[in-house]
Amino acid sequence: MNDGAKKRKKSGCRIPTIDQIRDYFLTNRFGIEEGELFFFFHRSTYWRSQSGDPIGDWMKAADRWMWNLEN
């Protein structure tokens, strides 16, 4: 494994742009505002979970966020 692959594995997911988040939330019938809340919340935690681990899949985290809004 090269150094770049090791760094990606250690750091978790690639951090999405706010535009990627907005598009994802709109595609899933949630508003831009909710996507921005998700983005800024996770940016404030340095894209780490409640346990302190790096978020490995931001789309999965976004799906969980949206599910929690509905349930």
N, C-alpha and C. Protein backbone atom coordinates (compact mmCIF):
# COMPACT_ATOMS: atom_id res chain seq x y z
N MET A 1 0.85 -1.18 0.00
CA MET A 1 0.00 0.00 0.00
C MET A 1 0.90 1.24 0.00
N ASN A 2 0.61 2.19 -0.90
CA ASN A 2 1.45 3.39 -0.94
C ASN A 2 1.02 4.39 0.14
N ASP A 3 1.83 5.45 0.31
CA ASP A 3 1.56 6.42 1.37
C ASP A 3 0.22 7.12 1.21
N GLY A 4 -0.17 7.44 -0.03
CA GLY A 4 -1.46 8.11 -0.27
C GLY A 4 -2.63 7.24 0.17
N ALA A 5 -2.57 5.95 -0.15
CA ALA A 5 -3.63 5.03 0.25
C ALA A 5 -3.69 4.89 1.77
N LYS A 6 -2.52 4.86 2.41
CA LYS A 6 -2.50 4.76 3.87
C LYS A 6 -3.14 5.98 4.51
N LYS A 7 -2.84 7.17 3.98
CA LYS A 7 -3.41 8.40 4.53
C LYS A 7 -4.93 8.42 4.36
N ARG A 8 -5.42 8.01 3.18
CA ARG A 8 -6.87 7.97 2.96
C ARG A 8 -7.53 7.00 3.92
N LYS A 9 -6.91 5.85 4.14
CA LYS A 9 -7.49 4.85 5.03
C LYS A 9 -7.54 5.38 6.46
N LYS A 10 -6.51 6.08 6.91
CA LYS A 10 -6.48 6.62 8.27
C LYS A 10 -7.49 7.74 8.45
N SER A 11 -7.66 8.59 7.45
CA SER A 11 -8.48 9.78 7.62
C SER A 11 -9.96 9.54 7.40
N GLY A 12 -10.36 8.35 6.95
CA GLY A 12 -11.78 8.09 6.72
C GLY A 12 -12.19 8.53 5.33
N CYS A 13 -13.35 9.13 5.22
CA CYS A 13 -13.89 9.50 3.92
C CYS A 13 -13.27 10.77 3.38
N ARG A 14 -13.46 10.97 2.11
CA ARG A 14 -13.13 12.26 1.52
C ARG A 14 -14.20 13.23 2.01
N ILE A 15 -13.79 14.38 2.44
CA ILE A 15 -14.75 15.36 2.94
C ILE A 15 -15.50 15.95 1.75
N PRO A 16 -16.83 15.87 1.78
CA PRO A 16 -17.61 16.38 0.66
C PRO A 16 -17.67 17.90 0.66
N THR A 17 -17.97 18.45 -0.50
CA THR A 17 -18.19 19.89 -0.58
C THR A 17 -19.62 20.19 -0.15
N ILE A 18 -19.87 21.43 0.18
CA ILE A 18 -21.23 21.81 0.56
C ILE A 18 -22.19 21.61 -0.62
N ASP A 19 -21.71 21.81 -1.85
CA ASP A 19 -22.56 21.60 -3.02
C ASP A 19 -22.93 20.12 -3.19
N GLN A 20 -22.00 19.22 -2.90
CA GLN A 20 -22.31 17.79 -2.96
C GLN A 20 -23.39 17.45 -1.94
N ILE A 21 -23.26 18.01 -0.75
CA ILE A 21 -24.25 17.77 0.30
C ILE A 21 -25.61 18.32 -0.10
N ARG A 22 -25.64 19.55 -0.60
CA ARG A 22 -26.91 20.16 -1.03
C ARG A 22 -27.58 19.29 -2.08
N ASP A 23 -26.81 18.87 -3.09
CA ASP A 23 -27.37 18.03 -4.16
C ASP A 23 -27.91 16.72 -3.61
N TYR A 24 -27.18 16.11 -2.69
CA TYR A 24 -27.60 14.83 -2.12
C TYR A 24 -28.91 14.98 -1.35
N PHE A 25 -29.01 16.04 -0.56
CA PHE A 25 -30.23 16.26 0.21
C PHE A 25 -31.41 16.59 -0.70
N LEU A 26 -31.19 17.38 -1.74
CA LEU A 26 -32.26 17.68 -2.69
C LEU A 26 -32.72 16.43 -3.42
N THR A 27 -31.78 15.60 -3.82
CA THR A 27 -32.11 14.34 -4.51
C THR A 27 -32.97 13.45 -3.63
N ASN A 28 -32.75 13.52 -2.33
CA ASN A 28 -33.51 12.70 -1.38
C ASN A 28 -34.71 13.45 -0.80
N ARG A 29 -35.13 14.52 -1.48
CA ARG A 29 -36.33 15.29 -1.13
C ARG A 29 -36.25 15.97 0.23
N PHE A 30 -35.07 16.41 0.59
CA PHE A 30 -34.88 17.23 1.78
C PHE A 30 -34.37 18.58 1.29
N GLY A 31 -34.59 19.60 2.06
CA GLY A 31 -34.21 20.94 1.62
C GLY A 31 -32.72 21.21 1.72
N ILE A 32 -32.32 22.23 0.99
CA ILE A 32 -30.93 22.69 1.02
C ILE A 32 -30.54 23.06 2.45
N GLU A 33 -31.47 23.68 3.16
CA GLU A 33 -31.18 24.12 4.53
C GLU A 33 -30.79 22.95 5.42
N GLU A 34 -31.50 21.83 5.27
CA GLU A 34 -31.17 20.64 6.08
C GLU A 34 -29.80 20.09 5.69
N GLY A 35 -29.50 20.12 4.42
CA GLY A 35 -28.17 19.70 3.97
C GLY A 35 -27.07 20.58 4.55
N GLU A 36 -27.35 21.87 4.61
CA GLU A 36 -26.36 22.79 5.19
C GLU A 36 -26.19 22.54 6.69
N LEU A 37 -27.28 22.24 7.39
CA LEU A 37 -27.17 21.90 8.82
C LEU A 37 -26.28 20.67 9.00
N PHE A 38 -26.51 19.66 8.17
CA PHE A 38 -25.70 18.44 8.21
C PHE A 38 -24.22 18.77 7.96
N PHE A 39 -23.97 19.54 6.91
CA PHE A 39 -22.60 19.89 6.55
C PHE A 39 -21.89 20.64 7.68
N PHE A 40 -22.52 21.69 8.18
CA PHE A 40 -21.86 22.51 9.20
C PHE A 40 -21.72 21.78 10.54
N PHE A 41 -22.70 20.91 10.85
CA PHE A 41 -22.57 20.11 12.07
C PHE A 41 -21.35 19.21 11.97
N HIS A 42 -21.25 18.47 10.87
CA HIS A 42 -20.14 17.53 10.73
C HIS A 42 -18.80 18.24 10.53
N ARG A 43 -18.81 19.40 9.92
CA ARG A 43 -17.57 20.16 9.81
C ARG A 43 -17.09 20.58 11.20
N SER A 44 -18.03 20.92 12.08
CA SER A 44 -17.65 21.34 13.43
C SER A 44 -17.06 20.19 14.25
N THR A 45 -17.38 18.95 13.87
CA THR A 45 -16.83 17.78 14.56
C THR A 45 -15.63 17.19 13.81
N TYR A 46 -15.15 17.94 12.80
CA TYR A 46 -14.02 17.48 11.97
C TYR A 46 -14.33 16.14 11.30
N TRP A 47 -15.60 15.96 10.92
CA TRP A 47 -16.07 14.77 10.23
C TRP A 47 -15.74 13.49 11.01
N ARG A 48 -16.05 13.57 12.30
CA ARG A 48 -15.88 12.41 13.18
C ARG A 48 -17.23 12.05 13.79
N SER A 49 -17.41 10.77 14.08
CA SER A 49 -18.65 10.29 14.69
C SER A 49 -18.67 10.62 16.18
N GLN A 50 -19.78 10.29 16.83
CA GLN A 50 -19.89 10.54 18.27
C GLN A 50 -18.83 9.79 19.05
N SER A 51 -18.38 8.66 18.53
CA SER A 51 -17.35 7.88 19.23
C SER A 51 -15.94 8.41 18.95
N GLY A 52 -15.83 9.41 18.06
CA GLY A 52 -14.53 10.00 17.75
C GLY A 52 -13.85 9.41 16.54
N ASP A 53 -14.47 8.40 15.94
CA ASP A 53 -13.90 7.79 14.74
C ASP A 53 -14.21 8.63 13.51
N PRO A 54 -13.31 8.65 12.53
CA PRO A 54 -13.60 9.38 11.29
C PRO A 54 -14.83 8.79 10.60
N ILE A 55 -15.65 9.64 10.02
CA ILE A 55 -16.80 9.17 9.26
C ILE A 55 -16.27 8.54 7.99
N GLY A 56 -16.57 7.28 7.79
CA GLY A 56 -16.05 6.55 6.64
C GLY A 56 -16.85 6.76 5.37
N ASP A 57 -18.13 7.08 5.49
CA ASP A 57 -19.00 7.22 4.33
C ASP A 57 -19.99 8.34 4.61
N TRP A 58 -19.77 9.51 4.04
CA TRP A 58 -20.62 10.65 4.37
C TRP A 58 -22.05 10.45 3.88
N MET A 59 -22.23 9.72 2.77
CA MET A 59 -23.59 9.48 2.28
C MET A 59 -24.37 8.61 3.26
N LYS A 60 -23.72 7.64 3.83
CA LYS A 60 -24.35 6.80 4.83
C LYS A 60 -24.72 7.64 6.06
N ALA A 61 -23.83 8.54 6.46
CA ALA A 61 -24.12 9.43 7.58
C ALA A 61 -25.29 10.35 7.24
N ALA A 62 -25.35 10.83 6.00
CA ALA A 62 -26.46 11.69 5.57
C ALA A 62 -27.77 10.91 5.56
N ASP A 63 -27.72 9.66 5.10
CA ASP A 63 -28.93 8.82 5.11
C ASP A 63 -29.44 8.64 6.53
N ARG A 64 -28.53 8.40 7.46
CA ARG A 64 -28.90 8.24 8.87
C ARG A 64 -29.52 9.53 9.40
N TRP A 65 -28.93 10.67 9.06
CA TRP A 65 -29.43 11.98 9.47
C TRP A 65 -30.87 12.17 8.98
N MET A 66 -31.10 11.86 7.69
CA MET A 66 -32.44 12.02 7.11
C MET A 66 -33.43 11.04 7.73
N TRP A 67 -33.00 9.82 7.98
CA TRP A 67 -33.86 8.83 8.62
C TRP A 67 -34.28 9.31 10.00
N ASN A 68 -33.34 9.87 10.75
CA ASN A 68 -33.65 10.37 12.10
C ASN A 68 -34.64 11.53 12.05
N LEU A 69 -34.62 12.32 11.00
CA LEU A 69 -35.59 13.41 10.87
C LEU A 69 -37.01 12.88 10.69
N GLU A 70 -37.13 11.74 10.02
CA GLU A 70 -38.45 11.18 9.72
C GLU A 70 -38.97 10.26 10.81
N ASN A 71 -38.12 9.82 11.71
CA ASN A 71 -38.55 8.82 12.71
C ASN A 71 -38.36 9.28 14.12
